[in-house]
């Protein structure tokens, strides 16, 4: 069964809500309406395995990060374009990415 939750309107977080949400993902840095983190892996193969996992999680959430790959470094950037800024979706997905990075 396909999920339809991506069809619902999401609300942009206020600056106070963003500050609270960031406490759950402390390694992510905010620049304007984007949160970003660089993950460093032992080698290219592990970095690519992480990217494949990120792709599956992002597709399930119907929320896709910008991804920059530099050999063993993967930088992810999240924002909710439809809402015009950061939403709960960004922080939820960031936490999921953090969790899978720890398993890589």
PDB file of N, CA and C in Angstrom:
ATOM      1  N   UNK A   1       0.843  -1.176   0.000  1.00  0.00           N
ATOM      2  CA  UNK A   1       0.000   0.000   0.000  1.00  0.00           C
ATOM      3  C   UNK A   1       0.890   1.241   0.000  1.00  0.00           C
ATOM      4  N   UNK A   2       0.680   2.128  -0.903  1.00  0.00           N
ATOM      5  CA  UNK A   2       1.459   3.362  -0.991  1.00  0.00           C
ATOM      6  C   UNK A   2       1.033   4.329   0.113  1.00  0.00           C
ATOM      7  N   UNK A   3       2.022   5.051   0.636  1.00  0.00           N
ATOM      8  CA  UNK A   3       1.697   6.038   1.662  1.00  0.00           C
ATOM      9  C   UNK A   3       1.322   7.349   0.995  1.00  0.00           C
ATOM     10  N   UNK A   4       0.392   8.033   1.594  1.00  0.00           N
ATOM     11  CA  UNK A   4      -0.063   9.310   1.053  1.00  0.00           C
ATOM     12  C   UNK A   4       0.249  10.471   1.979  1.00  0.00           C
ATOM     13  N   UNK A   5       1.017  10.223   3.036  1.00  0.00           N
ATOM     14  CA  UNK A   5       1.259  11.289   4.009  1.00  0.00           C
ATOM     15  C   UNK A   5       1.988  12.478   3.382  1.00  0.00           C
ATOM     16  N   UNK A   6       2.718  12.245   2.304  1.00  0.00           N
ATOM     17  CA  UNK A   6       3.435  13.335   1.656  1.00  0.00           C
ATOM     18  C   UNK A   6       2.488  14.358   1.012  1.00  0.00           C
ATOM     19  N   UNK A   7       1.220  14.021   0.930  1.00  0.00           N
ATOM     20  CA  UNK A   7       0.242  14.935   0.345  1.00  0.00           C
ATOM     21  C   UNK A   7      -0.256  15.973   1.347  1.00  0.00           C
ATOM     22  N   UNK A   8       0.040  15.760   2.612  1.00  0.00           N
ATOM     23  CA  UNK A   8      -0.439  16.679   3.634  1.00  0.00           C
ATOM     24  C   UNK A   8       0.443  17.922   3.705  1.00  0.00           C
ATOM     25  N   UNK A   9      -0.156  19.029   4.067  1.00  0.00           N
ATOM     26  CA  UNK A   9       0.569  20.288   4.202  1.00  0.00           C
ATOM     27  C   UNK A   9       1.398  20.253   5.485  1.00  0.00           C
ATOM     28  N   UNK A  10       2.640  20.651   5.376  1.00  0.00           N
ATOM     29  CA  UNK A  10       3.492  20.743   6.556  1.00  0.00           C
ATOM     30  C   UNK A  10       3.743  22.214   6.850  1.00  0.00           C
ATOM     31  N   UNK A  11       3.899  22.511   8.124  1.00  0.00           N
ATOM     32  CA  UNK A  11       4.057  23.897   8.553  1.00  0.00           C
ATOM     33  C   UNK A  11       5.509  24.193   8.873  1.00  0.00           C
ATOM     34  N   UNK A  12       5.966  25.313   8.398  1.00  0.00           N
ATOM     35  CA  UNK A  12       7.315  25.776   8.690  1.00  0.00           C
ATOM     36  C   UNK A  12       7.434  26.040  10.190  1.00  0.00           C
ATOM     37  N   UNK A  13       8.560  25.617  10.761  1.00  0.00           N
ATOM     38  CA  UNK A  13       8.791  25.825  12.184  1.00  0.00           C
ATOM     39  C   UNK A  13       9.188  27.271  12.472  1.00  0.00           C
ATOM     40  N   UNK A  14       8.851  27.731  13.655  1.00  0.00           N
ATOM     41  CA  UNK A  14       9.274  29.060  14.110  1.00  0.00           C
ATOM     42  C   UNK A  14      10.731  28.967  14.557  1.00  0.00           C
ATOM     43  N   UNK A  15      11.427  30.094  14.682  1.00  0.00           N
ATOM     44  CA  UNK A  15      12.812  30.051  15.173  1.00  0.00           C
ATOM     45  C   UNK A  15      12.936  29.342  16.527  1.00  0.00           C
ATOM     46  N   UNK A  16      11.982  29.544  17.421  1.00  0.00           N
ATOM     47  CA  UNK A  16      12.025  28.877  18.732  1.00  0.00           C
ATOM     48  C   UNK A  16      11.858  27.367  18.574  1.00  0.00           C
ATOM     49  N   UNK A  17      10.978  26.934  17.694  1.00  0.00           N
ATOM     50  CA  UNK A  17      10.777  25.508  17.450  1.00  0.00           C
ATOM     51  C   UNK A  17      12.009  24.877  16.811  1.00  0.00           C
ATOM     52  N   UNK A  18      12.662  25.620  15.924  1.00  0.00           N
ATOM     53  CA  UNK A  18      13.884  25.128  15.278  1.00  0.00           C
ATOM     54  C   UNK A  18      14.964  24.919  16.320  1.00  0.00           C
ATOM     55  N   UNK A  19      15.106  25.852  17.221  1.00  0.00           N
ATOM     56  CA  UNK A  19      16.130  25.758  18.273  1.00  0.00           C
ATOM     57  C   UNK A  19      15.914  24.499  19.113  1.00  0.00           C
ATOM     58  N   UNK A  20      14.681  24.221  19.448  1.00  0.00           N
ATOM     59  CA  UNK A  20      14.357  23.017  20.217  1.00  0.00           C
ATOM     60  C   UNK A  20      14.632  21.764  19.386  1.00  0.00           C
ATOM     61  N   UNK A  21      14.200  21.769  18.136  1.00  0.00           N
ATOM     62  CA  UNK A  21      14.377  20.605  17.264  1.00  0.00           C
ATOM     63  C   UNK A  21      15.851  20.290  17.041  1.00  0.00           C
ATOM     64  N   UNK A  22      16.680  21.306  16.985  1.00  0.00           N
ATOM     65  CA  UNK A  22      18.114  21.101  16.749  1.00  0.00           C
ATOM     66  C   UNK A  22      18.792  20.369  17.896  1.00  0.00           C
ATOM     67  N   UNK A  23      18.226  20.420  19.079  1.00  0.00           N
ATOM     68  CA  UNK A  23      18.839  19.712  20.207  1.00  0.00           C
ATOM     69  C   UNK A  23      18.840  18.201  19.982  1.00  0.00           C
ATOM     70  N   UNK A  24      17.914  17.699  19.181  1.00  0.00           N
ATOM     71  CA  UNK A  24      17.843  16.267  18.889  1.00  0.00           C
ATOM     72  C   UNK A  24      18.872  15.833  17.849  1.00  0.00           C
ATOM     73  N   UNK A  25      19.383  16.791  17.067  1.00  0.00           N
ATOM     74  CA  UNK A  25      20.381  16.489  16.026  1.00  0.00           C
ATOM     75  C   UNK A  25      21.525  17.505  16.128  1.00  0.00           C
ATOM     76  N   UNK A  26      22.291  17.458  17.210  1.00  0.00           N
ATOM     77  CA  UNK A  26      23.274  18.506  17.493  1.00  0.00           C
ATOM     78  C   UNK A  26      24.418  18.640  16.493  1.00  0.00           C
ATOM     79  N   UNK A  27      24.677  17.601  15.705  1.00  0.00           N
ATOM     80  CA  UNK A  27      25.775  17.686  14.735  1.00  0.00           C
ATOM     81  C   UNK A  27      25.362  18.334  13.419  1.00  0.00           C
ATOM     82  N   UNK A  28      24.086  18.611  13.282  1.00  0.00           N
ATOM     83  CA  UNK A  28      23.590  19.295  12.093  1.00  0.00           C
ATOM     84  C   UNK A  28      23.698  20.795  12.327  1.00  0.00           C
ATOM     85  N   UNK A  29      24.154  21.523  11.321  1.00  0.00           N
ATOM     86  CA  UNK A  29      24.315  22.976  11.415  1.00  0.00           C
ATOM     87  C   UNK A  29      23.275  23.657  10.541  1.00  0.00           C
ATOM     88  N   UNK A  30      22.727  24.707  11.079  1.00  0.00           N
ATOM     89  CA  UNK A  30      21.705  25.465  10.349  1.00  0.00           C
ATOM     90  C   UNK A  30      22.345  26.654   9.640  1.00  0.00           C
ATOM     91  N   UNK A  31      21.993  26.810   8.378  1.00  0.00           N
ATOM     92  CA  UNK A  31      22.354  27.984   7.590  1.00  0.00           C
ATOM     93  C   UNK A  31      21.072  28.452   6.928  1.00  0.00           C
ATOM     94  N   UNK A  32      20.499  29.523   7.447  1.00  0.00           N
ATOM     95  CA  UNK A  32      19.238  30.005   6.903  1.00  0.00           C
ATOM     96  C   UNK A  32      18.150  28.971   7.076  1.00  0.00           C
ATOM     97  N   UNK A  33      17.553  28.557   5.950  1.00  0.00           N
ATOM     98  CA  UNK A  33      16.433  27.614   5.969  1.00  0.00           C
ATOM     99  C   UNK A  33      16.870  26.184   5.691  1.00  0.00           C
ATOM    100  N   UNK A  34      18.150  25.876   5.940  1.00  0.00           N
ATOM    101  CA  UNK A  34      18.700  24.548   5.643  1.00  0.00           C
ATOM    102  C   UNK A  34      19.473  24.037   6.856  1.00  0.00           C
ATOM    103  N   UNK A  35      19.337  22.722   7.119  1.00  0.00           N
ATOM    104  CA  UNK A  35      20.247  22.076   8.063  1.00  0.00           C
ATOM    105  C   UNK A  35      21.144  21.155   7.261  1.00  0.00           C
ATOM    106  N   UNK A  36      22.406  21.049   7.702  1.00  0.00           N
ATOM    107  CA  UNK A  36      23.410  20.341   6.912  1.00  0.00           C
ATOM    108  C   UNK A  36      24.364  19.594   7.851  1.00  0.00           C
ATOM    109  N   UNK A  37      24.789  18.427   7.395  1.00  0.00           N
ATOM    110  CA  UNK A  37      25.798  17.668   8.142  1.00  0.00           C
ATOM    111  C   UNK A  37      26.670  16.898   7.168  1.00  0.00           C
ATOM    112  N   UNK A  38      27.968  16.827   7.497  1.00  0.00           N
ATOM    113  CA  UNK A  38      28.905  16.007   6.731  1.00  0.00           C
ATOM    114  C   UNK A  38      29.241  14.773   7.550  1.00  0.00           C
ATOM    115  N   UNK A  39      29.078  13.618   6.931  1.00  0.00           N
ATOM    116  CA  UNK A  39      29.398  12.331   7.536  1.00  0.00           C
ATOM    117  C   UNK A  39      30.706  11.845   6.911  1.00  0.00           C
ATOM    118  N   UNK A  40      31.606  11.318   7.729  1.00  0.00           N
ATOM    119  CA  UNK A  40      32.889  10.830   7.238  1.00  0.00           C
ATOM    120  C   UNK A  40      32.962   9.324   7.494  1.00  0.00           C
ATOM    121  N   UNK A  41      33.322   8.586   6.448  1.00  0.00           N
ATOM    122  CA  UNK A  41      33.395   7.131   6.523  1.00  0.00           C
ATOM    123  C   UNK A  41      34.820   6.658   6.251  1.00  0.00           C
ATOM    124  N   UNK A  42      35.057   5.384   6.520  1.00  0.00           N
ATOM    125  CA  UNK A  42      36.387   4.803   6.345  1.00  0.00           C
ATOM    126  C   UNK A  42      36.849   4.861   4.893  1.00  0.00           C
ATOM    127  N   UNK A  43      35.891   4.652   3.972  1.00  0.00           N
ATOM    128  CA  UNK A  43      36.267   4.631   2.560  1.00  0.00           C
ATOM    129  C   UNK A  43      35.045   4.942   1.686  1.00  0.00           C
ATOM    130  N   UNK A  44      35.270   4.941   0.400  1.00  0.00           N
ATOM    131  CA  UNK A  44      34.229   5.257  -0.574  1.00  0.00           C
ATOM    132  C   UNK A  44      33.086   4.248  -0.537  1.00  0.00           C
ATOM    133  N   UNK A  45      33.415   2.975  -0.404  1.00  0.00           N
ATOM    134  CA  UNK A  45      32.382   1.934  -0.412  1.00  0.00           C
ATOM    135  C   UNK A  45      31.410   2.135   0.747  1.00  0.00           C
ATOM    136  N   UNK A  46      31.915   2.401   1.943  1.00  0.00           N
ATOM    137  CA  UNK A  46      31.030   2.642   3.090  1.00  0.00           C
ATOM    138  C   UNK A  46      30.215   3.917   2.900  1.00  0.00           C
ATOM    139  N   UNK A  47      30.820   4.933   2.309  1.00  0.00           N
ATOM    140  CA  UNK A  47      30.082   6.169   2.034  1.00  0.00           C
ATOM    141  C   UNK A  47      28.925   5.899   1.083  1.00  0.00           C
ATOM    142  N   UNK A  48      29.165   5.094   0.066  1.00  0.00           N
ATOM    143  CA  UNK A  48      28.118   4.792  -0.905  1.00  0.00           C
ATOM    144  C   UNK A  48      27.023   3.907  -0.310  1.00  0.00           C
ATOM    145  N   UNK A  49      27.388   2.999   0.586  1.00  0.00           N
ATOM    146  CA  UNK A  49      26.371   2.188   1.270  1.00  0.00           C
ATOM    147  C   UNK A  49      25.463   3.097   2.092  1.00  0.00           C
ATOM    148  N   UNK A  50      26.069   4.079   2.757  1.00  0.00           N
ATOM    149  CA  UNK A  50      25.291   5.042   3.533  1.00  0.00           C
ATOM    150  C   UNK A  50      24.342   5.815   2.612  1.00  0.00           C
ATOM    151  N   UNK A  51      24.834   6.266   1.467  1.00  0.00           N
ATOM    152  CA  UNK A  51      24.001   7.012   0.520  1.00  0.00           C
ATOM    153  C   UNK A  51      22.832   6.148   0.038  1.00  0.00           C
ATOM    154  N   UNK A  52      23.061   4.877  -0.195  1.00  0.00           N
ATOM    155  CA  UNK A  52      21.978   3.986  -0.625  1.00  0.00           C
ATOM    156  C   UNK A  52      20.915   3.881   0.469  1.00  0.00           C
ATOM    157  N   UNK A  53      21.339   3.803   1.714  1.00  0.00           N
ATOM    158  CA  UNK A  53      20.394   3.745   2.831  1.00  0.00           C
ATOM    159  C   UNK A  53      19.642   5.066   2.956  1.00  0.00           C
ATOM    160  N   UNK A  54      20.351   6.178   2.811  1.00  0.00           N
ATOM    161  CA  UNK A  54      19.722   7.502   2.841  1.00  0.00           C
ATOM    162  C   UNK A  54      18.650   7.592   1.759  1.00  0.00           C
ATOM    163  N   UNK A  55      18.962   7.098   0.575  1.00  0.00           N
ATOM    164  CA  UNK A  55      18.002   7.152  -0.537  1.00  0.00           C
ATOM    165  C   UNK A  55      16.729   6.377  -0.210  1.00  0.00           C
ATOM    166  N   UNK A  56      16.877   5.198   0.387  1.00  0.00           N
ATOM    167  CA  UNK A  56      15.694   4.411   0.749  1.00  0.00           C
ATOM    168  C   UNK A  56      14.853   5.124   1.809  1.00  0.00           C
ATOM    169  N   UNK A  57      15.508   5.654   2.838  1.00  0.00           N
ATOM    170  CA  UNK A  57      14.781   6.379   3.891  1.00  0.00           C
ATOM    171  C   UNK A  57      14.087   7.624   3.334  1.00  0.00           C
ATOM    172  N   UNK A  58      14.788   8.349   2.484  1.00  0.00           N
ATOM    173  CA  UNK A  58      14.229   9.573   1.902  1.00  0.00           C
ATOM    174  C   UNK A  58      13.027   9.257   1.022  1.00  0.00           C
ATOM    175  N   UNK A  59      13.119   8.205   0.262  1.00  0.00           N
ATOM    176  CA  UNK A  59      12.012   7.838  -0.621  1.00  0.00           C
ATOM    177  C   UNK A  59      10.787   7.427   0.195  1.00  0.00           C
ATOM    178  N   UNK A  60      11.009   6.661   1.264  1.00  0.00           N
ATOM    179  CA  UNK A  60       9.893   6.272   2.131  1.00  0.00           C
ATOM    180  C   UNK A  60       9.229   7.493   2.767  1.00  0.00           C
ATOM    181  N   UNK A  61      10.043   8.473   3.128  1.00  0.00           N
ATOM    182  CA  UNK A  61       9.522   9.679   3.780  1.00  0.00           C
ATOM    183  C   UNK A  61       8.995  10.691   2.763  1.00  0.00           C
ATOM    184  N   UNK A  62       9.272  10.470   1.505  1.00  0.00           N
ATOM    185  CA  UNK A  62       8.922  11.389   0.428  1.00  0.00           C
ATOM    186  C   UNK A  62       9.495  12.777   0.730  1.00  0.00           C
ATOM    187  N   UNK A  63      10.751  12.732   1.173  1.00  0.00           N
ATOM    188  CA  UNK A  63      11.452  13.969   1.541  1.00  0.00           C
ATOM    189  C   UNK A  63      12.925  13.738   1.228  1.00  0.00           C
ATOM    190  N   UNK A  64      13.444  14.440   0.233  1.00  0.00           N
ATOM    191  CA  UNK A  64      14.743  14.110  -0.332  1.00  0.00           C
ATOM    192  C   UNK A  64      15.795  15.177  -0.030  1.00  0.00           C
ATOM    193  N   UNK A  65      16.926  14.765   0.543  1.00  0.00           N
ATOM    194  CA  UNK A  65      17.992  15.722   0.838  1.00  0.00           C
ATOM    195  C   UNK A  65      18.823  16.021  -0.408  1.00  0.00           C
ATOM    196  N   UNK A  66      19.527  17.133  -0.353  1.00  0.00           N
ATOM    197  CA  UNK A  66      20.593  17.365  -1.325  1.00  0.00           C
ATOM    198  C   UNK A  66      21.775  16.549  -0.826  1.00  0.00           C
ATOM    199  N   UNK A  67      22.457  15.867  -1.729  1.00  0.00           N
ATOM    200  CA  UNK A  67      23.558  14.978  -1.354  1.00  0.00           C
ATOM    201  C   UNK A  67      24.804  15.366  -2.145  1.00  0.00           C
ATOM    202  N   UNK A  68      25.911  15.544  -1.400  1.00  0.00           N
ATOM    203  CA  UNK A  68      27.209  15.822  -2.017  1.00  0.00           C
ATOM    204  C   UNK A  68      28.166  14.734  -1.546  1.00  0.00           C
ATOM    205  N   UNK A  69      28.773  14.014  -2.500  1.00  0.00           N
ATOM    206  CA  UNK A  69      29.669  12.908  -2.174  1.00  0.00           C
ATOM    207  C   UNK A  69      31.082  13.280  -2.594  1.00  0.00           C
ATOM    208  N   UNK A  70      32.014  13.167  -1.647  1.00  0.00           N
ATOM    209  CA  UNK A  70      33.440  13.421  -1.898  1.00  0.00           C
ATOM    210  C   UNK A  70      34.233  12.271  -1.304  1.00  0.00           C
ATOM    211  N   UNK A  71      34.505  11.273  -2.073  1.00  0.00           N
ATOM    212  CA  UNK A  71      35.186  10.041  -1.709  1.00  0.00           C
ATOM    213  C   UNK A  71      34.602   9.429  -0.436  1.00  0.00           C
ATOM    214  N   UNK A  72      35.118   9.744   0.745  1.00  0.00           N
ATOM    215  CA  UNK A  72      34.612   9.141   1.978  1.00  0.00           C
ATOM    216  C   UNK A  72      33.734  10.094   2.785  1.00  0.00           C
ATOM    217  N   UNK A  73      33.401  11.243   2.210  1.00  0.00           N
ATOM    218  CA  UNK A  73      32.583  12.244   2.893  1.00  0.00           C
ATOM    219  C   UNK A  73      31.258  12.420   2.160  1.00  0.00           C
ATOM    220  N   UNK A  74      30.188  12.419   2.948  1.00  0.00           N
ATOM    221  CA  UNK A  74      28.847  12.620   2.392  1.00  0.00           C
ATOM    222  C   UNK A  74      28.216  13.775   3.148  1.00  0.00           C
ATOM    223  N   UNK A  75      27.866  14.828   2.428  1.00  0.00           N
ATOM    224  CA  UNK A  75      27.182  15.962   3.043  1.00  0.00           C
ATOM    225  C   UNK A  75      25.724  15.931   2.628  1.00  0.00           C
ATOM    226  N   UNK A  76      24.854  15.994   3.634  1.00  0.00           N
ATOM    227  CA  UNK A  76      23.412  16.021   3.406  1.00  0.00           C
ATOM    228  C   UNK A  76      22.875  17.375   3.818  1.00  0.00           C
ATOM    229  N   UNK A  77      21.949  17.897   3.036  1.00  0.00           N
ATOM    230  CA  UNK A  77      21.295  19.164   3.354  1.00  0.00           C
ATOM    231  C   UNK A  77      19.788  18.958   3.249  1.00  0.00           C
ATOM    232  N   UNK A  78      19.075  19.437   4.261  1.00  0.00           N
ATOM    233  CA  UNK A  78      17.624  19.273   4.313  1.00  0.00           C
ATOM    234  C   UNK A  78      16.914  20.603   4.484  1.00  0.00           C
ATOM    235  N   UNK A  79      15.828  20.767   3.774  1.00  0.00           N
ATOM    236  CA  UNK A  79      14.883  21.853   3.937  1.00  0.00           C
ATOM    237  C   UNK A  79      13.581  21.389   3.303  1.00  0.00           C
ATOM    238  N   UNK A  80      12.479  21.984   3.697  1.00  0.00           N
ATOM    239  CA  UNK A  80      11.195  21.611   3.110  1.00  0.00           C
ATOM    240  C   UNK A  80      10.788  22.727   2.154  1.00  0.00           C
ATOM    241  N   UNK A  81      11.064  22.523   0.887  1.00  0.00           N
ATOM    242  CA  UNK A  81      10.804  23.557  -0.119  1.00  0.00           C
ATOM    243  C   UNK A  81       9.334  23.965  -0.156  1.00  0.00           C
ATOM    244  N   UNK A  82       8.441  22.988  -0.059  1.00  0.00           N
ATOM    245  CA  UNK A  82       7.005  23.282  -0.118  1.00  0.00           C
ATOM    246  C   UNK A  82       6.554  24.220   0.997  1.00  0.00           C
ATOM    247  N   UNK A  83       7.215  24.139   2.157  1.00  0.00           N
ATOM    248  CA  UNK A  83       6.841  24.977   3.297  1.00  0.00           C
ATOM    249  C   UNK A  83       7.650  26.270   3.335  1.00  0.00           C
ATOM    250  N   UNK A  84       8.679  26.351   2.512  1.00  0.00           N
ATOM    251  CA  UNK A  84       9.507  27.553   2.489  1.00  0.00           C
ATOM    252  C   UNK A  84      10.485  27.651   3.646  1.00  0.00           C
ATOM    253  N   UNK A  85      10.880  26.507   4.184  1.00  0.00           N
ATOM    254  CA  UNK A  85      11.841  26.516   5.289  1.00  0.00           C
ATOM    255  C   UNK A  85      11.885  25.184   5.999  1.00  0.00           C
ATOM    256  N   UNK A  86      12.366  25.211   7.216  1.00  0.00           N
ATOM    257  CA  UNK A  86      12.530  23.990   7.995  1.00  0.00           C
ATOM    258  C   UNK A  86      11.223  23.559   8.646  1.00  0.00           C
ATOM    259  N   UNK A  87      10.988  22.249   8.611  1.00  0.00           N
ATOM    260  CA  UNK A  87       9.797  21.669   9.218  1.00  0.00           C
ATOM    261  C   UNK A  87      10.216  20.472  10.065  1.00  0.00           C
ATOM    262  N   UNK A  88       9.255  19.911  10.734  1.00  0.00           N
ATOM    263  CA  UNK A  88       9.508  18.719  11.541  1.00  0.00           C
ATOM    264  C   UNK A  88      10.058  17.587  10.674  1.00  0.00           C
ATOM    265  N   UNK A  89       9.633  17.528   9.413  1.00  0.00           N
ATOM    266  CA  UNK A  89      10.117  16.489   8.498  1.00  0.00           C
ATOM    267  C   UNK A  89      11.638  16.512   8.382  1.00  0.00           C
ATOM    268  N   UNK A  90      12.224  17.710   8.333  1.00  0.00           N
ATOM    269  CA  UNK A  90      13.674  17.824   8.186  1.00  0.00           C
ATOM    270  C   UNK A  90      14.402  17.228   9.384  1.00  0.00           C
ATOM    271  N   UNK A  91      13.937  17.556  10.570  1.00  0.00           N
ATOM    272  CA  UNK A  91      14.606  17.098  11.784  1.00  0.00           C
ATOM    273  C   UNK A  91      14.370  15.616  12.033  1.00  0.00           C
ATOM    274  N   UNK A  92      13.199  15.119  11.681  1.00  0.00           N
ATOM    275  CA  UNK A  92      12.907  13.691  11.820  1.00  0.00           C
ATOM    276  C   UNK A  92      13.823  12.878  10.916  1.00  0.00           C
ATOM    277  N   UNK A  93      13.959  13.316   9.670  1.00  0.00           N
ATOM    278  CA  UNK A  93      14.814  12.598   8.735  1.00  0.00           C
ATOM    279  C   UNK A  93      16.289  12.727   9.119  1.00  0.00           C
ATOM    280  N   UNK A  94      16.700  13.887   9.593  1.00  0.00           N
ATOM    281  CA  UNK A  94      18.086  14.076  10.048  1.00  0.00           C
ATOM    282  C   UNK A  94      18.421  13.068  11.147  1.00  0.00           C
ATOM    283  N   UNK A  95      17.513  12.866  12.085  1.00  0.00           N
ATOM    284  CA  UNK A  95      17.740  11.910  13.172  1.00  0.00           C
ATOM    285  C   UNK A  95      17.852  10.484  12.624  1.00  0.00           C
ATOM    286  N   UNK A  96      17.053  10.160  11.625  1.00  0.00           N
ATOM    287  CA  UNK A  96      17.143   8.826  11.015  1.00  0.00           C
ATOM    288  C   UNK A  96      18.478   8.643  10.312  1.00  0.00           C
ATOM    289  N   UNK A  97      18.950   9.682   9.633  1.00  0.00           N
ATOM    290  CA  UNK A  97      20.249   9.602   8.961  1.00  0.00           C
ATOM    291  C   UNK A  97      21.371   9.427   9.985  1.00  0.00           C
ATOM    292  N   UNK A  98      21.285  10.144  11.094  1.00  0.00           N
ATOM    293  CA  UNK A  98      22.277   9.997  12.162  1.00  0.00           C
ATOM    294  C   UNK A  98      22.314   8.558  12.667  1.00  0.00           C
ATOM    295  N   UNK A  99      21.143   7.983  12.870  1.00  0.00           N
ATOM    296  CA  UNK A  99      21.054   6.614  13.392  1.00  0.00           C
ATOM    297  C   UNK A  99      21.697   5.608  12.450  1.00  0.00           C
ATOM    298  N   UNK A 100      21.424   5.724  11.157  1.00  0.00           N
ATOM    299  CA  UNK A 100      22.011   4.743  10.219  1.00  0.00           C
ATOM    300  C   UNK A 100      23.495   4.988  10.004  1.00  0.00           C
ATOM    301  N   UNK A 101      23.957   6.217  10.158  1.00  0.00           N
ATOM    302  CA  UNK A 101      25.387   6.496  10.009  1.00  0.00           C
ATOM    303  C   UNK A 101      26.176   5.803  11.109  1.00  0.00           C
ATOM    304  N   UNK A 102      25.587   5.726  12.296  1.00  0.00           N
ATOM    305  CA  UNK A 102      26.261   5.065  13.408  1.00  0.00           C
ATOM    306  C   UNK A 102      26.401   3.567  13.213  1.00  0.00           C
ATOM    307  N   UNK A 103      25.595   3.002  12.321  1.00  0.00           N
ATOM    308  CA  UNK A 103      25.628   1.570  12.042  1.00  0.00           C
ATOM    309  C   UNK A 103      26.543   1.235  10.869  1.00  0.00           C
ATOM    310  N   UNK A 104      27.025   2.257  10.169  1.00  0.00           N
ATOM    311  CA  UNK A 104      27.854   2.021   8.971  1.00  0.00           C
ATOM    312  C   UNK A 104      29.287   1.692   9.349  1.00  0.00           C
TER     313      UNK A 104
END
